Amino acid sequence: MNYWIHVKHALDQAMLHRERCLEIPSMTGRADFWEGGWFEYPNRETALEELENTGLSRLVHCPICKP
């Protein structure tokens, strides 16, 4: 199962999602780490590590899919 991180630099927030979460857009488009966007990771451990490496203050888990 893949995991997604949604980085929102304007809100100083990064949110972790499971791959089938309703919040994930069908077309993620181009993501830029510095501007924000959606980033996919192959497993939970890698996603959690990258979530902590975002440097953002608010690191949250999605309330819908609860990864």
C-alpha atoms as a PDB file:
ATOM      1  CA  MET A   1       0.000   0.000   0.000  1.00  0.00           C
ATOM      2  CA  ASN A   2       1.287   3.453  -0.903  1.00  0.00           C
ATOM      3  CA  TYR A   3       1.059   6.510   1.310  1.00  0.00           C
ATOM      4  CA  TRP A   4       0.732  10.148   0.345  1.00  0.00           C
ATOM      5  CA  ILE A   5       1.897  13.327   2.037  1.00  0.00           C
ATOM      6  CA  HIS A   6       0.106  16.582   1.277  1.00  0.00           C
ATOM      7  CA  VAL A   7       2.470  19.475   1.961  1.00  0.00           C
ATOM      8  CA  LYS A   8       0.846  22.867   2.540  1.00  0.00           C
ATOM      9  CA  HIS A   9       3.612  25.400   3.128  1.00  0.00           C
ATOM     10  CA  ALA A  10       1.162  28.320   3.341  1.00  0.00           C
ATOM     11  CA  LEU A  11      -0.492  26.641   6.362  1.00  0.00           C
ATOM     12  CA  ASP A  12       2.796  25.241   7.745  1.00  0.00           C
ATOM     13  CA  GLN A  13       1.215  21.775   7.615  1.00  0.00           C
ATOM     14  CA  ALA A  14       1.904  18.320   6.204  1.00  0.00           C
ATOM     15  CA  MET A  15      -0.750  15.591   6.260  1.00  0.00           C
ATOM     16  CA  LEU A  16      -0.302  11.830   5.814  1.00  0.00           C
ATOM     17  CA  HIS A  17      -2.889   9.844   3.792  1.00  0.00           C
ATOM     18  CA  ARG A  18      -3.404   6.210   2.741  1.00  0.00           C
ATOM     19  CA  GLU A  19      -3.470   5.539  -1.009  1.00  0.00           C
ATOM     20  CA  ARG A  20      -7.251   5.149  -1.262  1.00  0.00           C
ATOM     21  CA  CYS A  21      -8.172   8.237   0.758  1.00  0.00           C
ATOM     22  CA  LEU A  22     -10.960  10.381  -0.689  1.00  0.00           C
ATOM     23  CA  GLU A  23      -8.835  13.501  -0.141  1.00  0.00           C
ATOM     24  CA  ILE A  24      -6.216  12.476  -2.721  1.00  0.00           C
ATOM     25  CA  PRO A  25      -6.979  14.068  -6.095  1.00  0.00           C
ATOM     26  CA  SER A  26      -7.227  11.783  -9.121  1.00  0.00           C
ATOM     27  CA  MET A  27      -4.640  13.918 -10.931  1.00  0.00           C
ATOM     28  CA  THR A  28      -1.914  15.118  -8.597  1.00  0.00           C
ATOM     29  CA  GLY A  29      -0.099  17.107 -11.279  1.00  0.00           C
ATOM     30  CA  ARG A  30       3.326  18.560 -10.658  1.00  0.00           C
ATOM     31  CA  ALA A  31       4.425  18.684  -7.028  1.00  0.00           C
ATOM     32  CA  ASP A  32       7.215  20.909  -5.795  1.00  0.00           C
ATOM     33  CA  PHE A  33       8.517  20.217  -2.297  1.00  0.00           C
ATOM     34  CA  TRP A  34       9.245  23.907  -1.639  1.00  0.00           C
ATOM     35  CA  GLU A  35       5.869  25.162  -2.832  1.00  0.00           C
ATOM     36  CA  GLY A  36       3.833  22.215  -1.621  1.00  0.00           C
ATOM     37  CA  GLY A  37       1.853  19.474  -3.269  1.00  0.00           C
ATOM     38  CA  TRP A  38       1.223  15.741  -3.118  1.00  0.00           C
ATOM     39  CA  PHE A  39       4.030  13.218  -2.710  1.00  0.00           C
ATOM     40  CA  GLU A  40       3.716   9.420  -2.945  1.00  0.00           C
ATOM     41  CA  TYR A  41       5.780   6.928  -0.907  1.00  0.00           C
ATOM     42  CA  PRO A  42       5.934   3.124  -1.243  1.00  0.00           C
ATOM     43  CA  ASN A  43       5.471   2.271   2.445  1.00  0.00           C
ATOM     44  CA  ARG A  44       4.416   3.699   5.796  1.00  0.00           C
ATOM     45  CA  GLU A  45       7.912   3.858   7.295  1.00  0.00           C
ATOM     46  CA  THR A  46       9.290   5.924   4.424  1.00  0.00           C
ATOM     47  CA  ALA A  47       6.249   8.207   4.464  1.00  0.00           C
ATOM     48  CA  LEU A  48       6.537   8.816   8.217  1.00  0.00           C
ATOM     49  CA  GLU A  49      10.239   9.565   7.878  1.00  0.00           C
ATOM     50  CA  GLU A  50       9.592  12.043   5.062  1.00  0.00           C
ATOM     51  CA  LEU A  51       6.691  13.586   6.997  1.00  0.00           C
ATOM     52  CA  GLU A  52       9.080  14.441   9.812  1.00  0.00           C
ATOM     53  CA  ASN A  53      11.665  15.752   7.324  1.00  0.00           C
ATOM     54  CA  THR A  54       9.284  18.334   5.842  1.00  0.00           C
ATOM     55  CA  GLY A  55      10.369  20.922   8.399  1.00  0.00           C
ATOM     56  CA  LEU A  56       6.782  22.035   8.939  1.00  0.00           C
ATOM     57  CA  SER A  57       5.280  22.680  12.381  1.00  0.00           C
ATOM     58  CA  ARG A  58       1.980  20.853  12.008  1.00  0.00           C
ATOM     59  CA  LEU A  59       2.398  17.169  11.120  1.00  0.00           C
ATOM     60  CA  VAL A  60      -1.020  15.506  11.095  1.00  0.00           C
ATOM     61  CA  HIS A  61      -2.680  12.273  10.039  1.00  0.00           C
ATOM     62  CA  CYS A  62      -5.770  12.428   7.856  1.00  0.00           C
ATOM     63  CA  PRO A  63      -8.962  12.280   9.942  1.00  0.00           C
ATOM     64  CA  ILE A  64     -10.763  10.433   7.115  1.00  0.00           C
ATOM     65  CA  CYS A  65      -8.438   7.503   6.321  1.00  0.00           C
ATOM     66  CA  LYS A  66      -6.509   7.470   9.646  1.00  0.00           C
ATOM     67  CA  PRO A  67      -3.209   6.060   8.343  1.00  0.00           C
END
